[in-house]
Amino acid sequence: MFASLSDRLTSTFRNLRTKGRLTEADIDATVREIRRALLDADVAVPVVRAFTGAVRERALSVEVSGALNPAQQVVKIVNDELVGILGKETRTLRFAKTPPTVILLAGLQGAGKTTLAGKLALHLKGQGHTPLLVAADLQRPNAVTQLQVVGERAGVPVFAPHPGNQGHEETLPSGADPVGVAREGLAEAHRRHHDVLIVDTAGRLGIDAELMAQAAAIREAVQPDETLFVIDAMIGQDAVTTAQAFADGVGFTGVVLSKLDGDARGGAALSVASVTGRPILYASTGEKLTDFEVFHPDRMASRILDMGDVLTLIEQAEKAFDAEQAEKMAGKLVSGQDFTLADFLVQMQQLRNMGSIKKMFGMLPGMGQMREALDNFDEREVDRIEAIIRSMTPGERDNPKIINGSRRARIAKGSGVTPADVNGLLDRFAQAQTMMRTMARGGGMPGMGGMGSLPGSGKKARGRTAAPAKKAKAKSGNPAKRAEQERLGGQRPAAPAGSAFGLAPAPAPEADAADLQLPAGFDRFLGGR
């Protein structure tokens, strides 16, 4: 979403790093480039003015002029101001003291409310809640059916007493009462003991007074604890006008950004929270029901400035990876066992559970410099690798060295690829296997220094080799000394204790405590009383 804005800002800051001291002209030029980047990203003009004004004021202050690295200090200022216009702090849902918590979804036509209702329900279900979806959008054709399909995919029940519009034009069927459906849905949630009620309403335009009145009536009927305004992140500055009209007509407590994975400039995300004063709670980042995350202003600002979002990456990994399987794999590595293709298949499946690999790489710091490579990355390559491994026998996965020409041809035919593709995978896997062995022995990553042996990975722990035998001492060329060595069985005469060269030290005279000049009463510590 923010690729263009991120590239422009990163390029601007790169020019600053070559300067040891920043003049007022340098800061003005930087602020000018930031202003152009934000305007090109379709950020609302009032937000751009406030943002650049705050950045310039802080950049000309003592905190930059007295900094050891002024360029980094300017980046920090821009990051802080970005966090500010994105909402400052992370805000989550406020749950009712007495269930059910009622969440009303509203927004523009085509903003993706129905799909987002399923994503939110799945998200809350994963937190241990028992949500119920209510199909109160009776105007859009097949909206009720779509919500039922989404609810089934999410494993969440849907309350839909009316089938809604089954035609082609967006008209309200005779006898349909969205307000009554919402009210009955609340009663159903009480009766079936659901702790969260999510009400999906019809899409509307900011100028549609009739639909605005309908949304206000639903709000009065169910008294929602949260009213979430779903907005398409790709509509640019117009999002601000629409959000303000909706805030005046219906009112909302939070914003949800949909289609944040799109290729638009993303001005809505940078404008709506600042203009409306309402926080952004969630963001939809893809088409799957799992492509849904809590909106963190600080992490989003970090992504825009190409500093990555490692915390979100870690959270996604904790959800996707099996801790028991990871511990088993670590134990296998420590014990010196080889990393096999079967292990690689398991790891790749868990990696896919995290979502788009391209999206995960994009969360790493500095990946903006590899944007072209990321854009050209084909997610289907993972499917081809999995097909190749699954076409192998268990023995071939454990020991790829037995795969000869005929086996390669069979594997290629079974996976729908060429033998050259199989050879390429085996070659890359052999390199990865060598790297894993080096890490297990403590050699570190290639091109890096050793990091010491892993616990329990030494040769003694594996029982491979015994301790080396001591070398036999050479016989002396002096006949008298050689005779003495033979008499002692090849051992040298033991030197007296405390002697470094075989000479006995002179005995030390015994000291009398009475002869020592000690403080009064100190003699009791030496055994005297």
Protein backbone atom coordinates (compact mmCIF):
# COMPACT_ATOMS: atom_id res chain seq x y z
CA MET A 1 0.00 0.00 0.00
CA PHE A 2 2.65 2.54 1.05
CA ALA A 3 5.37 1.43 -1.36
CA SER A 4 5.54 4.72 -3.29
CA LEU A 5 5.43 6.88 -0.15
CA SER A 6 8.02 4.69 1.57
CA ASP A 7 10.41 4.90 -1.40
CA ARG A 8 10.11 8.70 -1.57
CA LEU A 9 10.74 9.18 2.15
CA THR A 10 13.62 6.70 2.22
CA SER A 11 15.29 8.49 -0.69
CA THR A 12 14.91 11.83 1.08
CA PHE A 13 16.51 10.55 4.28
CA ARG A 14 19.33 8.89 2.35
CA ASN A 15 20.44 12.31 1.12
CA LEU A 16 20.51 13.61 4.70
CA ARG A 17 22.87 10.89 5.94
CA THR A 18 25.76 12.32 3.93
CA LYS A 19 25.66 15.56 5.95
CA GLY A 20 27.32 15.85 9.33
CA ARG A 21 25.48 19.05 10.19
CA LEU A 22 22.09 20.21 8.95
CA THR A 23 21.46 23.80 7.99
CA GLU A 24 18.06 25.48 7.82
CA ALA A 25 18.20 25.16 4.03
CA ASP A 26 18.74 21.39 4.34
CA ILE A 27 15.74 21.06 6.65
CA ASP A 28 13.54 23.19 4.39
CA ALA A 29 14.50 21.03 1.39
CA THR A 30 13.73 17.86 3.37
CA VAL A 31 10.35 19.17 4.52
CA ARG A 32 9.55 20.17 0.95
CA GLU A 33 10.24 16.63 -0.28
CA ILE A 34 8.14 15.16 2.53
CA ARG A 35 5.26 17.49 1.59
CA ARG A 36 5.42 16.39 -2.04
CA ALA A 37 5.55 12.72 -1.05
CA LEU A 38 2.46 13.04 1.17
CA LEU A 39 0.50 14.98 -1.43
CA ASP A 40 1.40 12.39 -4.08
CA ALA A 41 0.14 9.73 -1.66
CA ASP A 42 -3.23 11.54 -1.69
CA VAL A 43 -3.09 12.57 1.97
CA ALA A 44 -5.57 15.31 2.88
CA VAL A 45 -4.09 18.80 2.49
CA PRO A 46 -4.89 19.95 6.09
CA VAL A 47 -3.12 16.85 7.42
CA VAL A 48 -0.08 17.53 5.21
CA ARG A 49 0.16 21.13 6.40
CA ALA A 50 -0.05 20.17 10.07
CA PHE A 51 2.41 17.31 9.63
CA THR A 52 5.13 19.21 7.76
CA GLY A 53 4.73 22.23 10.06
CA ALA A 54 5.35 20.08 13.14
CA VAL A 55 8.32 18.32 11.50
CA ARG A 56 9.96 21.63 10.49
CA GLU A 57 9.47 23.17 13.92
CA ARG A 58 11.02 20.21 15.72
CA ALA A 59 13.80 19.82 13.13
CA LEU A 60 14.93 23.43 13.70
CA SER A 61 14.92 23.00 17.47
CA VAL A 62 17.74 22.09 19.82
CA GLU A 63 16.96 18.36 19.68
CA VAL A 64 18.39 18.19 16.14
CA SER A 65 21.13 20.82 16.30
CA GLY A 66 22.61 19.21 19.40
CA ALA A 67 22.25 15.59 18.24
CA LEU A 68 25.28 13.44 17.46
CA ASN A 69 23.57 12.27 14.26
CA PRO A 70 21.18 14.97 13.02
CA ALA A 71 19.92 12.87 10.08
CA GLN A 72 18.78 10.04 12.37
CA GLN A 73 17.15 12.58 14.65
CA VAL A 74 15.10 13.94 11.73
CA VAL A 75 14.00 10.37 10.88
CA LYS A 76 12.93 9.93 14.51
CA ILE A 77 10.92 13.16 14.35
CA VAL A 78 9.15 12.08 11.16
CA ASN A 79 8.42 8.68 12.72
CA ASP A 80 6.94 10.31 15.84
CA GLU A 81 4.74 12.62 13.77
CA LEU A 82 3.56 9.71 11.59
CA VAL A 83 2.55 7.81 14.71
CA GLY A 84 0.67 10.91 15.84
CA ILE A 85 -1.45 11.32 12.70
CA LEU A 86 -2.14 7.56 12.62
CA GLY A 87 -3.71 7.66 16.07
CA LYS A 88 -0.78 7.71 18.53
CA GLU A 89 -1.74 4.59 20.50
CA THR A 90 -3.18 1.18 19.71
CA ARG A 91 -6.85 0.94 20.66
CA THR A 92 -8.70 -2.36 20.84
CA LEU A 93 -12.40 -3.15 21.15
CA ARG A 94 -14.20 -2.10 24.31
CA PHE A 95 -16.29 -5.00 25.53
CA ALA A 96 -19.51 -4.56 27.44
CA LYS A 97 -19.55 -5.36 31.14
CA THR A 98 -22.66 -7.44 30.55
CA PRO A 99 -22.60 -9.60 27.38
CA PRO A 100 -23.29 -9.48 24.55
CA THR A 101 -20.98 -6.77 23.23
CA VAL A 102 -22.77 -5.27 20.20
CA ILE A 103 -20.62 -4.19 17.24
CA LEU A 104 -22.30 -2.31 14.39
CA LEU A 105 -20.55 -2.31 11.01
CA ALA A 106 -21.36 0.50 8.61
CA GLY A 107 -19.72 2.23 5.68
CA LEU A 108 -19.74 2.90 1.98
CA GLN A 109 -21.02 0.67 -0.76
CA GLY A 110 -18.32 -1.76 -1.87
CA ALA A 111 -16.06 -1.10 1.10
CA GLY A 112 -16.03 -4.81 2.02
CA LYS A 113 -18.17 -4.81 5.16
CA THR A 114 -19.62 -8.30 4.71
CA THR A 115 -16.24 -10.00 4.27
CA LEU A 116 -14.82 -7.93 7.09
CA ALA A 117 -17.65 -9.09 9.36
CA GLY A 118 -16.43 -12.67 8.88
CA LYS A 119 -12.79 -11.65 9.47
CA LEU A 120 -13.67 -9.83 12.68
CA ALA A 121 -15.79 -12.77 13.87
CA LEU A 122 -12.93 -15.22 13.19
CA HIS A 123 -10.49 -12.91 14.97
CA LEU A 124 -12.71 -12.71 18.06
CA LYS A 125 -13.38 -16.44 17.96
CA GLY A 126 -9.62 -17.03 18.11
CA GLN A 127 -9.54 -14.96 21.30
CA GLY A 128 -12.08 -17.24 22.97
CA HIS A 129 -15.27 -15.28 22.24
CA THR A 130 -18.51 -16.69 20.82
CA PRO A 131 -19.65 -14.19 18.16
CA LEU A 132 -22.97 -14.18 16.28
CA LEU A 133 -23.35 -12.50 12.87
CA VAL A 134 -26.59 -10.70 12.01
CA ALA A 135 -27.55 -10.19 8.34
CA ALA A 136 -29.20 -6.76 8.43
CA ASP A 137 -28.16 -5.84 4.87
CA LEU A 138 -31.38 -6.70 3.06
CA GLN A 139 -30.93 -4.26 0.20
CA ARG A 140 -27.83 -5.39 -1.73
CA PRO A 141 -28.53 -8.43 -3.96
CA ASN A 142 -27.46 -11.71 -2.29
CA ALA A 143 -25.83 -9.90 0.63
CA VAL A 144 -27.48 -12.30 3.10
CA THR A 145 -26.26 -15.33 1.17
CA GLN A 146 -22.73 -13.91 1.06
CA LEU A 147 -22.71 -13.38 4.83
CA GLN A 148 -23.93 -16.95 5.37
CA VAL A 149 -21.08 -18.29 3.20
CA VAL A 150 -18.52 -16.12 5.01
CA GLY A 151 -19.90 -17.21 8.38
CA GLU A 152 -19.67 -20.87 7.43
CA ARG A 153 -16.04 -20.43 6.37
CA ALA A 154 -15.26 -18.70 9.66
CA GLY A 155 -17.14 -21.30 11.69
CA VAL A 156 -19.46 -18.64 13.15
CA PRO A 157 -23.30 -18.86 13.20
CA VAL A 158 -25.34 -16.34 11.20
CA PHE A 159 -28.77 -15.02 12.19
CA ALA A 160 -30.67 -14.35 8.94
CA PRO A 161 -34.48 -14.48 9.34
CA HIS A 162 -35.05 -12.71 6.00
CA PRO A 163 -33.44 -13.78 2.68
CA GLY A 164 -33.01 -10.18 1.58
CA ASN A 165 -32.91 -8.89 -2.00
CA GLN A 166 -32.62 -11.71 -4.53
CA GLY A 167 -32.90 -9.50 -7.61
CA HIS A 168 -30.41 -7.46 -9.60
CA GLU A 169 -31.22 -3.91 -8.45
CA GLU A 170 -30.43 -2.58 -5.01
CA THR A 171 -33.94 -2.15 -3.64
CA LEU A 172 -35.40 -3.06 -0.30
CA PRO A 173 -37.84 -6.00 -0.71
CA SER A 174 -41.38 -5.56 0.50
CA GLY A 175 -41.79 -6.63 4.12
CA ALA A 176 -38.07 -6.41 4.83
CA ASP A 177 -37.21 -4.57 8.05
CA PRO A 178 -33.43 -4.20 8.71
CA VAL A 179 -34.12 -2.52 12.07
CA GLY A 180 -36.37 -5.41 13.14
CA VAL A 181 -33.73 -7.98 12.04
CA ALA A 182 -31.08 -6.23 14.13
CA ARG A 183 -33.39 -6.12 17.16
CA GLU A 184 -34.28 -9.83 16.78
CA GLY A 185 -30.58 -10.65 16.40
CA LEU A 186 -29.84 -9.02 19.77
CA ALA A 187 -32.59 -11.10 21.39
CA GLU A 188 -31.17 -14.24 19.73
CA ALA A 189 -27.70 -13.47 21.13
CA HIS A 190 -29.17 -13.19 24.63
CA ARG A 191 -31.10 -16.43 24.22
CA ARG A 192 -28.13 -18.44 22.87
CA HIS A 193 -25.58 -16.81 25.22
CA HIS A 194 -23.30 -15.29 22.56
CA ASP A 195 -20.93 -12.77 24.09
CA VAL A 196 -20.39 -10.75 20.86
CA LEU A 197 -22.98 -9.62 18.30
CA ILE A 198 -21.75 -8.29 14.93
CA VAL A 199 -24.42 -6.51 12.85
CA ASP A 200 -23.77 -6.18 9.11
CA THR A 201 -25.69 -3.26 7.59
CA ALA A 202 -26.31 -2.04 4.05
CA GLY A 203 -23.72 0.08 2.28
CA ARG A 204 -24.65 3.68 1.84
CA LEU A 205 -23.41 6.95 0.39
CA GLY A 206 -22.66 10.04 2.45
CA ILE A 207 -25.38 11.95 0.58
CA ASP A 208 -28.05 9.24 0.95
CA ALA A 209 -30.25 10.67 3.69
CA GLU A 210 -32.67 7.70 3.68
CA LEU A 211 -29.98 5.10 4.28
CA MET A 212 -28.29 7.32 6.84
CA ALA A 213 -31.57 7.46 8.72
CA GLN A 214 -31.86 3.66 8.51
CA ALA A 215 -28.36 3.23 9.99
CA ALA A 216 -29.23 5.66 12.79
CA ALA A 217 -32.43 3.69 13.51
CA ILE A 218 -30.48 0.41 13.75
CA ARG A 219 -28.04 2.08 16.11
CA GLU A 220 -30.92 3.20 18.33
CA ALA A 221 -32.46 -0.29 18.27
CA VAL A 222 -29.40 -2.27 19.37
CA GLN A 223 -27.42 0.40 21.26
CA PRO A 224 -24.01 -0.79 20.02
CA ASP A 225 -20.94 -0.70 22.25
CA GLU A 226 -18.79 -0.08 19.16
CA THR A 227 -19.80 1.38 15.80
CA LEU A 228 -17.06 0.66 13.28
CA PHE A 229 -16.80 2.65 10.08
CA VAL A 230 -15.41 0.41 7.32
CA ILE A 231 -13.50 2.42 4.74
CA ASP A 232 -11.73 1.43 1.56
CA ALA A 233 -8.07 2.43 2.00
CA MET A 234 -7.68 3.00 -1.73
CA ILE A 235 -10.12 5.88 -2.22
CA GLY A 236 -7.70 8.63 -1.21
CA GLN A 237 -8.72 12.09 -0.02
CA ASP A 238 -12.40 11.43 -0.65
CA ALA A 239 -12.29 9.14 2.37
CA VAL A 240 -12.00 12.16 4.61
CA THR A 241 -15.14 13.83 3.22
CA THR A 242 -17.12 10.59 3.43
CA ALA A 243 -15.93 9.80 6.95
CA GLN A 244 -16.85 13.27 8.15
CA ALA A 245 -20.33 13.02 6.59
CA PHE A 246 -20.85 9.61 8.17
CA ALA A 247 -19.65 10.87 11.56
CA ASP A 248 -22.19 13.68 11.39
CA GLY A 249 -25.07 11.47 10.14
CA VAL A 250 -24.62 8.27 12.16
CA GLY A 251 -21.54 8.57 14.33
CA PHE A 252 -18.87 5.94 14.87
CA THR A 253 -16.36 5.03 17.56
CA GLY A 254 -13.62 3.51 15.42
CA VAL A 255 -12.37 2.92 11.88
CA VAL A 256 -11.50 -0.30 10.05
CA LEU A 257 -9.33 -0.04 6.93
CA SER A 258 -10.14 -2.56 4.21
CA LYS A 259 -8.07 -3.44 1.12
CA LEU A 260 -4.84 -2.27 2.74
CA ASP A 261 -3.00 -4.72 0.50
CA GLY A 262 -3.98 -2.76 -2.62
CA ASP A 263 -1.60 -0.81 -4.83
CA ALA A 264 -3.14 2.62 -4.24
CA ARG A 265 -1.32 5.46 -2.53
CA GLY A 266 -2.91 5.05 0.90
CA GLY A 267 -3.87 8.62 1.73
CA ALA A 268 -7.01 7.46 3.56
CA ALA A 269 -5.05 5.66 6.24
CA LEU A 270 -2.94 8.74 6.89
CA SER A 271 -5.90 11.14 6.89
CA VAL A 272 -9.02 9.62 8.39
CA ALA A 273 -7.78 9.20 11.97
CA SER A 274 -6.34 12.72 12.11
CA VAL A 275 -9.39 14.44 10.58
CA THR A 276 -12.19 12.55 12.34
CA GLY A 277 -10.44 12.09 15.67
CA ARG A 278 -11.55 8.44 15.70
CA PRO A 279 -8.89 5.70 16.09
CA ILE A 280 -8.16 3.02 13.51
CA LEU A 281 -8.81 -0.33 15.21
CA TYR A 282 -8.23 -2.95 12.53
CA ALA A 283 -6.85 -3.38 9.03
CA SER A 284 -7.79 -5.92 6.38
CA THR A 285 -4.65 -6.93 4.47
CA GLY A 286 -5.86 -9.55 1.97
CA GLU A 287 -8.66 -11.67 0.61
CA LYS A 288 -8.39 -14.56 3.10
CA LEU A 289 -10.33 -14.47 6.35
CA THR A 290 -7.04 -14.65 8.24
CA ASP A 291 -5.69 -11.52 6.51
CA PHE A 292 -6.82 -9.32 9.35
CA GLU A 293 -4.78 -7.61 12.04
CA VAL A 294 -4.96 -5.07 14.84
CA PHE A 295 -3.84 -1.63 13.67
CA HIS A 296 -0.75 -0.41 15.52
CA PRO A 297 0.15 3.22 14.63
CA ASP A 298 3.79 2.82 15.65
CA ARG A 299 4.24 -0.36 13.60
CA MET A 300 2.54 1.16 10.56
CA ALA A 301 4.80 4.21 10.76
CA SER A 302 7.78 1.88 10.96
CA ARG A 303 6.63 0.09 7.80
CA ILE A 304 6.23 3.37 5.93
CA LEU A 305 9.79 4.40 6.84
CA ASP A 306 11.13 0.99 5.71
CA MET A 307 12.14 0.04 9.25
CA GLY A 308 10.09 -3.14 9.16
CA ASP A 309 7.48 -4.57 11.50
CA VAL A 310 9.24 -7.37 13.31
CA LEU A 311 6.76 -7.48 16.21
CA THR A 312 3.82 -8.30 13.92
CA LEU A 313 5.98 -10.89 12.16
CA ILE A 314 6.78 -12.54 15.50
CA GLU A 315 3.11 -12.54 16.52
CA GLN A 316 2.12 -14.21 13.26
CA ALA A 317 4.89 -16.79 13.68
CA GLU A 318 3.72 -17.62 17.21
CA LYS A 319 0.23 -18.29 15.87
CA ALA A 320 1.35 -20.37 12.89
CA PHE A 321 4.25 -22.42 14.24
CA ASP A 322 3.82 -25.45 16.44
CA ALA A 323 5.98 -24.99 19.55
CA GLU A 324 6.28 -28.76 20.09
CA GLN A 325 7.38 -29.29 16.50
CA ALA A 326 9.89 -26.44 16.74
CA GLU A 327 11.37 -27.90 19.94
CA LYS A 328 11.62 -31.30 18.30
CA MET A 329 13.44 -29.77 15.32
CA ALA A 330 15.85 -27.90 17.59
CA GLY A 331 16.62 -31.09 19.50
CA LYS A 332 17.28 -32.90 16.26
CA LEU A 333 19.71 -30.20 15.17
CA VAL A 334 21.52 -30.22 18.51
CA SER A 335 21.88 -34.00 18.52
CA GLY A 336 23.73 -33.86 15.20
CA GLN A 337 21.03 -35.46 13.05
CA ASP A 338 20.70 -34.25 9.47
CA PHE A 339 17.99 -31.85 8.35
CA THR A 340 15.89 -33.87 5.86
CA LEU A 341 13.46 -33.00 3.10
CA ALA A 342 10.64 -34.28 5.31
CA ASP A 343 11.65 -31.71 7.94
CA PHE A 344 11.84 -29.05 5.24
CA LEU A 345 8.30 -29.89 4.10
CA VAL A 346 6.95 -29.51 7.66
CA GLN A 347 8.71 -26.15 8.10
CA MET A 348 7.44 -24.90 4.74
CA GLN A 349 3.84 -25.84 5.61
CA GLN A 350 4.06 -23.91 8.88
CA LEU A 351 5.56 -20.97 7.02
CA ARG A 352 2.62 -20.97 4.62
CA ASN A 353 0.22 -20.86 7.57
CA MET A 354 1.57 -17.38 8.31
CA GLY A 355 0.16 -16.08 5.01
CA SER A 356 1.83 -14.52 2.01
CA ILE A 357 5.59 -15.05 2.00
CA LYS A 358 6.00 -11.84 0.02
CA LYS A 359 4.11 -9.97 2.73
CA MET A 360 6.27 -11.50 5.46
CA PHE A 361 9.49 -10.48 3.72
CA GLY A 362 8.06 -6.98 3.42
CA MET A 363 7.93 -6.74 7.23
CA LEU A 364 11.70 -7.07 7.52
CA PRO A 365 13.75 -3.87 7.93
CA GLY A 366 15.36 -2.53 4.76
CA MET A 367 13.36 -4.67 2.36
CA GLY A 368 12.35 -1.55 0.44
CA GLN A 369 15.72 -1.79 -1.30
CA MET A 370 14.66 -5.20 -2.65
CA ARG A 371 11.17 -4.14 -3.69
CA GLU A 372 11.63 -5.17 -7.30
CA ALA A 373 12.77 -8.64 -6.31
CA LEU A 374 9.82 -8.96 -3.92
CA ASP A 375 7.37 -7.84 -6.59
CA ASN A 376 8.75 -10.45 -8.99
CA PHE A 377 8.59 -13.23 -6.40
CA ASP A 378 6.19 -15.96 -7.50
CA GLU A 379 4.22 -17.46 -4.59
CA ARG A 380 3.49 -20.50 -6.77
CA GLU A 381 7.15 -21.52 -6.50
CA VAL A 382 6.35 -22.75 -2.98
CA ASP A 383 3.59 -24.96 -4.42
CA ARG A 384 6.02 -26.46 -6.95
CA ILE A 385 8.59 -27.23 -4.25
CA GLU A 386 5.93 -28.89 -2.11
CA ALA A 387 4.73 -30.95 -5.08
CA ILE A 388 8.28 -32.16 -5.78
CA ILE A 389 8.87 -33.26 -2.17
CA ARG A 390 5.47 -34.96 -1.94
CA SER A 391 6.31 -36.96 -5.10
CA MET A 392 9.25 -38.57 -3.28
CA THR A 393 9.15 -41.72 -1.19
CA PRO A 394 9.83 -41.46 2.58
CA GLY A 395 13.25 -43.00 1.98
CA GLU A 396 14.12 -40.42 -0.65
CA ARG A 397 13.09 -37.58 1.64
CA ASP A 398 15.31 -38.89 4.43
CA ASN A 399 18.27 -39.63 2.15
CA PRO A 400 18.25 -37.56 -1.07
CA LYS A 401 21.58 -39.11 -2.14
CA ILE A 402 19.78 -42.25 -3.35
CA ILE A 403 17.85 -40.23 -5.94
CA ASN A 404 19.39 -41.27 -9.26
CA GLY A 405 18.40 -40.39 -12.82
CA SER A 406 15.39 -42.69 -13.05
CA ARG A 407 14.10 -41.53 -9.66
CA ARG A 408 14.49 -37.90 -10.75
CA ALA A 409 12.45 -38.59 -13.87
CA ARG A 410 9.72 -40.27 -11.82
CA ILE A 411 9.60 -37.41 -9.28
CA ALA A 412 9.49 -34.81 -12.07
CA LYS A 413 6.64 -36.60 -13.79
CA GLY A 414 4.68 -36.98 -10.55
CA SER A 415 5.01 -33.30 -9.64
CA GLY A 416 4.50 -31.85 -13.12
CA VAL A 417 7.94 -30.27 -13.41
CA THR A 418 11.13 -31.01 -15.33
CA PRO A 419 14.09 -33.09 -14.04
CA ALA A 420 16.12 -29.87 -14.08
CA ASP A 421 13.70 -28.42 -11.50
CA VAL A 422 14.21 -31.48 -9.29
CA ASN A 423 18.00 -31.15 -9.66
CA GLY A 424 17.81 -27.48 -8.71
CA LEU A 425 15.83 -28.25 -5.56
CA LEU A 426 18.22 -31.02 -4.52
CA ASP A 427 21.24 -28.78 -5.07
CA ARG A 428 19.77 -25.95 -3.02
CA PHE A 429 18.74 -28.37 -0.30
CA ALA A 430 22.27 -29.83 -0.15
CA GLN A 431 23.62 -26.32 0.43
CA ALA A 432 21.04 -25.70 3.15
CA GLN A 433 21.89 -29.03 4.78
CA THR A 434 25.59 -28.12 4.83
CA MET A 435 24.76 -24.78 6.42
CA MET A 436 22.67 -26.50 9.13
CA ARG A 437 25.56 -28.87 9.93
CA THR A 438 27.95 -25.93 10.20
CA MET A 439 25.60 -24.13 12.58
CA ALA A 440 25.17 -27.26 14.71
CA ARG A 441 28.95 -27.60 15.04
CA GLY A 442 29.20 -23.97 16.12
CA GLY A 443 30.68 -22.66 12.89
CA GLY A 444 28.01 -19.99 12.48
CA MET A 445 26.49 -18.79 9.24
CA PRO A 446 28.69 -18.76 6.13
CA GLY A 447 30.69 -15.56 6.06
CA MET A 448 30.25 -15.04 9.81
CA GLY A 449 32.41 -15.98 12.75
CA GLY A 450 31.80 -19.10 14.79
CA MET A 451 29.32 -18.90 17.62
CA GLY A 452 30.50 -21.84 19.71
CA SER A 453 29.05 -25.31 19.90
CA LEU A 454 25.37 -25.67 20.58
CA PRO A 455 24.52 -27.21 23.98
CA GLY A 456 24.90 -30.96 23.79
CA SER A 457 26.29 -30.89 20.25
CA GLY A 458 29.93 -31.65 21.10
CA LYS A 459 31.64 -34.87 20.06
CA LYS A 460 31.55 -36.22 23.61
CA ALA A 461 27.76 -35.75 23.73
CA ARG A 462 27.36 -37.65 20.48
CA GLY A 463 29.77 -40.37 21.58
CA ARG A 464 31.54 -40.43 18.23
CA THR A 465 35.19 -40.35 19.35
CA ALA A 466 37.00 -41.06 22.60
CA ALA A 467 39.58 -38.78 24.20
CA PRO A 468 42.94 -38.92 22.35
CA ALA A 469 45.60 -41.12 23.93
CA LYS A 470 48.59 -39.42 25.49
CA LYS A 471 51.77 -39.47 23.41
CA ALA A 472 54.64 -41.60 24.70
CA LYS A 473 57.49 -39.54 26.06
CA ALA A 474 60.76 -39.67 24.12
CA LYS A 475 63.71 -41.48 25.74
CA SER A 476 66.66 -39.37 26.82
CA GLY A 477 69.98 -39.62 24.97
CA ASN A 478 71.90 -39.63 28.30
CA PRO A 479 72.52 -43.27 29.39
CA ALA A 480 72.12 -42.46 33.09
CA LYS A 481 68.85 -40.57 32.57
CA ARG A 482 67.52 -43.28 30.18
CA ALA A 483 68.24 -45.97 32.80
CA GLU A 484 66.37 -43.94 35.39
CA GLN A 485 63.37 -43.52 32.99
CA GLU A 486 63.24 -47.28 32.35
CA ARG A 487 63.35 -47.99 36.09
CA LEU A 488 60.39 -45.63 36.65
CA GLY A 489 58.43 -46.98 33.66
CA GLY A 490 59.00 -43.93 31.49
CA GLN A 491 57.83 -41.50 34.17
CA ARG A 492 59.85 -38.55 35.29
CA PRO A 493 60.76 -38.31 38.97
CA ALA A 494 58.04 -36.48 40.83
CA ALA A 495 59.02 -32.99 41.85
CA PRO A 496 58.37 -31.88 45.39
CA ALA A 497 55.14 -29.92 45.87
CA GLY A 498 55.55 -26.25 45.30
CA SER A 499 58.63 -26.67 43.15
CA ALA A 500 58.62 -25.37 39.61
CA PHE A 501 61.98 -26.82 38.56
CA GLY A 502 62.16 -29.99 40.65
CA LEU A 503 63.92 -28.35 43.59
CA ALA A 504 62.37 -28.60 47.02
CA PRO A 505 61.51 -25.21 48.50
CA ALA A 506 63.10 -24.21 51.77
CA PRO A 507 60.73 -24.85 54.71
CA ALA A 508 59.11 -21.67 55.96
CA PRO A 509 59.63 -20.88 59.65
CA GLU A 510 56.52 -21.27 61.79
CA ALA A 511 55.09 -17.96 62.87
CA ASP A 512 54.00 -17.38 66.44
CA ALA A 513 50.80 -15.35 66.87
CA ALA A 514 52.35 -13.71 69.92
CA ASP A 515 55.16 -12.29 67.79
CA LEU A 516 52.69 -10.61 65.43
CA GLN A 517 51.57 -7.06 66.19
CA LEU A 518 47.78 -7.55 65.95
CA PRO A 519 44.97 -5.23 67.09
CA ALA A 520 43.49 -5.88 70.49
CA GLY A 521 41.01 -8.77 70.47
CA PHE A 522 42.04 -9.98 66.98
CA ASP A 523 43.76 -13.09 68.33
CA ARG A 524 40.40 -14.80 68.97
CA PHE A 525 39.94 -15.16 65.20
CA LEU A 526 43.16 -17.24 65.15
CA GLY A 527 41.83 -19.69 67.73
CA GLY A 528 43.08 -17.90 70.82
CA ARG A 529 40.78 -16.54 73.51
